[in-house]
Protein backbone atom coordinates (compact mmCIF):
# COMPACT_ATOMS: atom_id res chain seq x y z
CA UNK A 1 59.47 -73.41 40.45
CA UNK A 2 60.76 -69.84 40.75
CA UNK A 3 59.25 -66.90 38.87
CA UNK A 4 61.95 -66.93 36.21
CA UNK A 5 61.44 -70.63 35.53
CA UNK A 6 57.68 -70.18 35.43
CA UNK A 7 57.95 -67.34 32.93
CA UNK A 8 60.34 -69.34 30.76
CA UNK A 9 57.98 -72.32 30.76
CA UNK A 10 55.04 -70.09 29.90
CA UNK A 11 57.01 -68.57 27.03
CA UNK A 12 57.82 -71.99 25.60
CA UNK A 13 54.17 -73.05 25.77
CA UNK A 14 53.05 -69.83 24.10
CA UNK A 15 55.62 -70.23 21.32
CA UNK A 16 54.50 -73.83 20.75
CA UNK A 17 50.86 -72.76 20.61
CA UNK A 18 51.76 -70.08 18.06
CA UNK A 19 53.50 -72.66 15.88
CA UNK A 20 50.58 -75.08 16.10
CA UNK A 21 48.19 -72.32 15.07
CA UNK A 22 50.61 -71.44 12.30
CA UNK A 23 49.77 -74.80 10.75
CA UNK A 24 46.14 -73.68 10.39
CA UNK A 25 47.29 -70.53 8.59
CA UNK A 26 48.70 -72.74 5.84
CA UNK A 27 45.23 -73.87 4.77
CA UNK A 28 44.02 -71.25 2.34
CA UNK A 29 42.44 -70.78 -1.05
CA UNK A 30 45.89 -71.06 -2.60
CA UNK A 31 46.49 -74.48 -1.05
CA UNK A 32 43.59 -76.13 0.76
CA UNK A 33 45.27 -79.48 1.50
CA UNK A 34 48.63 -80.30 3.05
CA UNK A 35 50.81 -83.24 3.98
CA UNK A 36 52.91 -83.24 7.13
CA UNK A 37 56.06 -83.09 5.01
CA UNK A 38 54.81 -80.10 2.99
CA UNK A 39 53.85 -78.25 6.17
CA UNK A 40 57.20 -79.00 7.78
CA UNK A 41 58.98 -77.57 4.74
CA UNK A 42 56.76 -74.47 4.59
CA UNK A 43 57.15 -73.74 8.31
CA UNK A 44 60.82 -74.82 8.45
CA UNK A 45 60.12 -77.41 11.14
CA UNK A 46 61.42 -80.95 11.67
CA UNK A 47 58.97 -83.46 10.23
CA UNK A 48 58.61 -85.06 13.66
CA UNK A 49 57.53 -81.72 15.14
CA UNK A 50 55.08 -81.04 12.31
CA UNK A 51 53.64 -84.50 12.84
CA UNK A 52 52.97 -83.74 16.53
CA UNK A 53 51.21 -80.52 15.53
CA UNK A 54 49.09 -82.29 12.95
CA UNK A 55 48.19 -84.97 15.49
CA UNK A 56 47.06 -82.35 18.04
CA UNK A 57 44.96 -80.51 15.47
CA UNK A 58 43.47 -83.79 14.24
CA UNK A 59 42.38 -84.76 17.76
CA UNK A 60 40.42 -81.52 17.95
CA UNK A 61 39.11 -82.09 14.39
CA UNK A 62 40.42 -78.72 13.34
CA UNK A 63 41.99 -80.69 10.50
CA UNK A 64 41.08 -84.13 9.14
CA UNK A 65 42.76 -86.63 6.84
CA UNK A 66 40.61 -87.11 3.75
CA UNK A 67 43.15 -89.24 1.84
CA UNK A 68 46.36 -91.06 2.69
CA UNK A 69 48.64 -88.47 4.29
CA UNK A 70 46.67 -85.44 3.06
CA UNK A 71 44.79 -83.12 5.39
CA UNK A 72 42.10 -80.48 5.00
CA UNK A 73 40.30 -78.23 7.50
CA UNK A 74 37.90 -80.15 9.72
CA UNK A 75 34.37 -79.80 11.12
CA UNK A 76 35.57 -78.00 14.25
CA UNK A 77 36.15 -74.96 12.02
CA UNK A 78 32.47 -74.99 11.07
CA UNK A 79 31.45 -75.12 14.73
CA UNK A 80 33.73 -72.18 15.56
CA UNK A 81 32.36 -70.24 12.59
CA UNK A 82 28.81 -70.78 13.87
CA UNK A 83 29.79 -69.52 17.30
CA UNK A 84 31.37 -66.47 15.68
CA UNK A 85 28.21 -65.68 13.72
CA UNK A 86 26.02 -66.07 16.82
CA UNK A 87 28.20 -64.45 19.46
CA UNK A 88 30.74 -62.03 18.00
CA UNK A 89 29.75 -58.61 19.47
CA UNK A 90 30.64 -56.74 16.30
CA UNK A 91 28.64 -59.04 14.03
CA UNK A 92 25.59 -59.32 16.30
CA UNK A 93 25.46 -55.55 16.81
CA UNK A 94 25.69 -54.93 13.07
CA UNK A 95 23.45 -57.63 11.58
CA UNK A 96 20.04 -55.96 12.11
CA UNK A 97 21.33 -52.56 10.99
CA UNK A 98 22.93 -54.08 7.91
CA UNK A 99 19.65 -55.78 7.00
CA UNK A 100 17.78 -52.49 7.44
CA UNK A 101 20.39 -50.64 5.38
CA UNK A 102 20.09 -53.19 2.57
CA UNK A 103 16.31 -52.69 2.54
CA UNK A 104 16.67 -48.90 2.46
CA UNK A 105 19.29 -48.95 -0.31
CA UNK A 106 17.41 -51.44 -2.51
CA UNK A 107 18.45 -52.14 -6.06
CA UNK A 108 21.54 -54.29 -6.44
CA UNK A 109 24.02 -53.90 -3.60
CA UNK A 110 26.07 -55.72 -0.96
CA UNK A 111 26.41 -54.45 2.61
CA UNK A 112 29.67 -55.60 4.19
CA UNK A 113 31.22 -55.66 7.64
CA UNK A 114 35.01 -55.96 7.78
CA UNK A 115 37.86 -55.81 10.25
CA UNK A 116 41.67 -55.85 10.26
CA UNK A 117 43.14 -59.35 10.02
CA UNK A 118 46.94 -59.63 10.26
CA UNK A 119 48.16 -57.41 7.41
CA UNK A 120 44.91 -57.59 5.45
CA UNK A 121 41.22 -56.78 5.83
CA UNK A 122 38.65 -59.54 6.04
CA UNK A 123 34.87 -59.44 5.55
CA UNK A 124 33.11 -61.01 8.56
CA UNK A 125 29.47 -60.56 7.49
CA UNK A 126 27.43 -59.63 4.40
CA UNK A 127 23.87 -58.70 3.59
CA UNK A 128 22.86 -58.72 -0.06
CA UNK A 129 19.97 -57.07 -1.87
CA UNK A 130 19.17 -57.76 -5.51
CA UNK A 131 21.68 -59.49 -7.76
CA UNK A 132 24.83 -57.41 -7.92
CA UNK A 133 27.21 -60.32 -8.55
CA UNK A 134 30.92 -60.25 -9.23
CA UNK A 135 31.98 -58.87 -5.82
CA UNK A 136 35.47 -59.97 -4.81
CA UNK A 137 35.03 -59.01 -1.17
CA UNK A 138 33.51 -62.21 0.20
CA UNK A 139 33.09 -63.33 3.78
CA UNK A 140 36.29 -64.93 5.04
CA UNK A 141 38.44 -63.85 2.11
CA UNK A 142 41.42 -61.66 3.13
CA UNK A 143 41.76 -58.57 0.94
CA UNK A 144 44.58 -56.02 0.48
CA UNK A 145 44.79 -53.14 2.94
CA UNK A 146 45.34 -50.39 0.40
CA UNK A 147 42.63 -51.18 -2.16
CA UNK A 148 38.89 -50.75 -1.88
CA UNK A 149 36.79 -48.54 0.38
CA UNK A 150 36.30 -51.17 3.11
CA UNK A 151 40.07 -51.48 3.52
CA UNK A 152 41.08 -47.86 3.06
CA UNK A 153 38.68 -46.54 5.69
CA UNK A 154 40.20 -48.99 8.20
CA UNK A 155 43.72 -48.06 7.19
CA UNK A 156 42.88 -44.36 7.52
CA UNK A 157 41.84 -44.81 11.13
CA UNK A 158 44.57 -47.01 12.62
CA UNK A 159 47.39 -45.35 14.53
CA UNK A 160 50.73 -44.49 12.93
CA UNK A 161 52.70 -47.10 14.87
CA UNK A 162 50.42 -49.88 13.70
CA UNK A 163 50.55 -48.62 10.12
CA UNK A 164 54.37 -48.63 10.10
CA UNK A 165 54.30 -52.29 11.06
CA UNK A 166 52.16 -53.28 8.08
CA UNK A 167 54.11 -54.57 5.06
CA UNK A 168 53.49 -53.30 1.56
CA UNK A 169 52.50 -49.78 2.62
CA UNK A 170 55.87 -48.19 3.25
CA UNK A 171 58.89 -47.08 1.32
CA UNK A 172 62.58 -46.65 2.04
CA UNK A 173 65.06 -48.91 3.80
CA UNK A 174 64.84 -47.63 7.36
CA UNK A 175 64.37 -49.98 10.32
CA UNK A 176 61.02 -51.78 10.54
CA UNK A 177 59.61 -49.40 13.17
CA UNK A 178 60.77 -46.27 11.35
CA UNK A 179 59.64 -46.91 7.77
CA UNK A 180 57.79 -43.96 6.24
CA UNK A 181 54.39 -44.59 4.69
CA UNK A 182 54.10 -43.79 1.00
CA UNK A 183 53.28 -40.05 0.93
CA UNK A 184 50.58 -40.31 -1.76
CA UNK A 185 48.78 -43.00 0.21
CA UNK A 186 49.19 -41.00 3.42
CA UNK A 187 47.52 -37.98 1.78
CA UNK A 188 44.59 -40.06 0.56
CA UNK A 189 44.15 -41.64 3.97
CA UNK A 190 44.26 -38.25 5.69
CA UNK A 191 41.42 -37.05 3.44
CA UNK A 192 39.37 -40.16 4.20
CA UNK A 193 39.89 -39.73 7.94
CA UNK A 194 38.88 -36.06 7.82
CA UNK A 195 35.71 -36.58 5.77
CA UNK A 196 34.70 -39.69 7.70
CA UNK A 197 34.14 -42.04 4.74
CA UNK A 198 35.88 -43.57 1.74
CA UNK A 199 34.62 -43.85 -1.83
CA UNK A 200 36.42 -45.92 -4.45
CA UNK A 201 35.53 -46.54 -8.07
CA UNK A 202 36.47 -49.84 -9.70
CA UNK A 203 39.50 -50.44 -7.45
CA UNK A 204 38.56 -54.03 -6.64
CA UNK A 205 35.90 -54.95 -9.20
CA UNK A 206 35.38 -53.24 -12.54
CA UNK A 207 32.14 -51.27 -12.71
CA UNK A 208 31.62 -51.36 -8.93
CA UNK A 209 31.65 -48.49 -6.45
CA UNK A 210 32.60 -48.98 -2.81
CA UNK A 211 31.54 -46.64 -0.01
CA UNK A 212 32.71 -47.30 3.55
CA UNK A 213 32.70 -45.74 7.01
CA UNK A 214 34.75 -46.69 10.09
CA UNK A 215 33.05 -48.29 13.10
CA UNK A 216 34.43 -47.52 16.56
CA UNK A 217 34.12 -49.15 19.98
CA UNK A 218 32.90 -47.31 23.07
CA UNK A 219 36.50 -46.30 23.90
CA UNK A 220 36.89 -44.88 20.37
CA UNK A 221 39.31 -47.59 19.27
CA UNK A 222 38.67 -48.92 15.78
CA UNK A 223 36.43 -51.98 15.48
CA UNK A 224 36.27 -52.24 11.68
CA UNK A 225 34.35 -50.88 8.73
CA UNK A 226 30.82 -50.87 7.35
CA UNK A 227 30.58 -50.59 3.59
CA UNK A 228 28.38 -50.80 0.54
CA UNK A 229 29.27 -52.16 -2.88
CA UNK A 230 27.03 -51.14 -5.77
CA UNK A 231 27.07 -50.44 -9.47
CA UNK A 232 29.40 -47.59 -10.33
CA UNK A 233 26.73 -45.88 -12.44
CA UNK A 234 24.24 -45.69 -9.57
CA UNK A 235 23.13 -42.12 -8.66
CA UNK A 236 22.28 -40.58 -5.25
CA UNK A 237 25.72 -41.11 -3.75
CA UNK A 238 25.14 -38.43 -1.09
CA UNK A 239 21.96 -40.14 0.16
CA UNK A 240 23.75 -43.48 0.22
CA UNK A 241 26.58 -42.05 2.33
CA UNK A 242 24.05 -40.55 4.76
CA UNK A 243 22.25 -43.90 5.12
CA UNK A 244 25.58 -45.64 5.71
CA UNK A 245 26.59 -43.15 8.41
CA UNK A 246 23.23 -43.53 10.16
CA UNK A 247 23.63 -47.32 10.20
CA UNK A 248 27.16 -46.92 11.57
CA UNK A 249 25.89 -44.72 14.41
CA UNK A 250 23.24 -47.28 15.34
CA UNK A 251 25.84 -50.07 15.40
CA UNK A 252 28.18 -48.01 17.57
CA UNK A 253 25.33 -47.23 19.97
CA UNK A 254 24.59 -50.94 20.38
CA UNK A 255 28.27 -51.73 20.91
CA UNK A 256 28.51 -48.98 23.55
CA UNK A 257 25.42 -50.19 25.42
CA UNK A 258 26.66 -53.77 25.49
CA UNK A 259 30.08 -52.66 26.70
CA UNK A 260 28.49 -51.18 29.85
CA UNK A 261 26.68 -54.42 30.76
CA UNK A 262 28.67 -56.50 33.26
CA UNK A 263 27.60 -60.16 33.53
CA UNK A 264 26.14 -61.08 36.92
CA UNK A 265 28.67 -63.85 37.56
CA UNK A 266 31.50 -61.37 36.95
CA UNK A 267 30.07 -59.04 39.61
CA UNK A 268 29.78 -61.89 42.07
CA UNK A 269 33.34 -62.94 41.43
CA UNK A 270 34.67 -59.42 41.96
CA UNK A 271 32.65 -58.95 45.14
CA UNK A 272 33.92 -62.20 46.58
CA UNK A 273 37.55 -61.62 45.65
């Protein structure tokens, strides 16, 4: 097969894989169970094609049939989630520092780790202290990009090109890569970026304050955010921000150290190539 034919075949396989994974995106809190026919309609696919996708996902137990013709997410998702908790570099670098931060903060609070997920922000790990309760930011729940400290500090630190590609943040009718970001939001994000942290009051949950800082990789690209949610009436905000920044620095140091470690088998491969 020539290069052009190889590239075309690879493109078809990649597009098919994207569509299969698109089936998994359907399973959400809004609709946790699907039939093949419902999925075909939602994804605008022939029923026969949707059936093949469901069959492939069922073989891997990413989805399972729990009743006649109705499917839910399967046990393979739980296995993948466990691997994520144990091996994700961001989570494993942050867990001990988040636990220490929770102990230092005390009272009633939630320490959260979040990252960009499609056009939303998703919490990937939490440490709780006390009984704060009523926190909408929960692990695995996508949240809006422009509300809450955990989201806004991420939004403030992504590049302009990426921001223009995010729906719901822009105004005007220009082409998709030229849309201007809402000027009021841009000004707020500029302030957050300059001061190095975001503070919001009751934007997500009434009576709750969110404080967040960005977390960067060794190459200074954005990894995500580290944040605290606490009662809005709680004093000592300056001390809380300082503790949050110190935890962020410790997480970034761990990420940087791990980034410089090259696995032995990788070295052997490179030397033998």
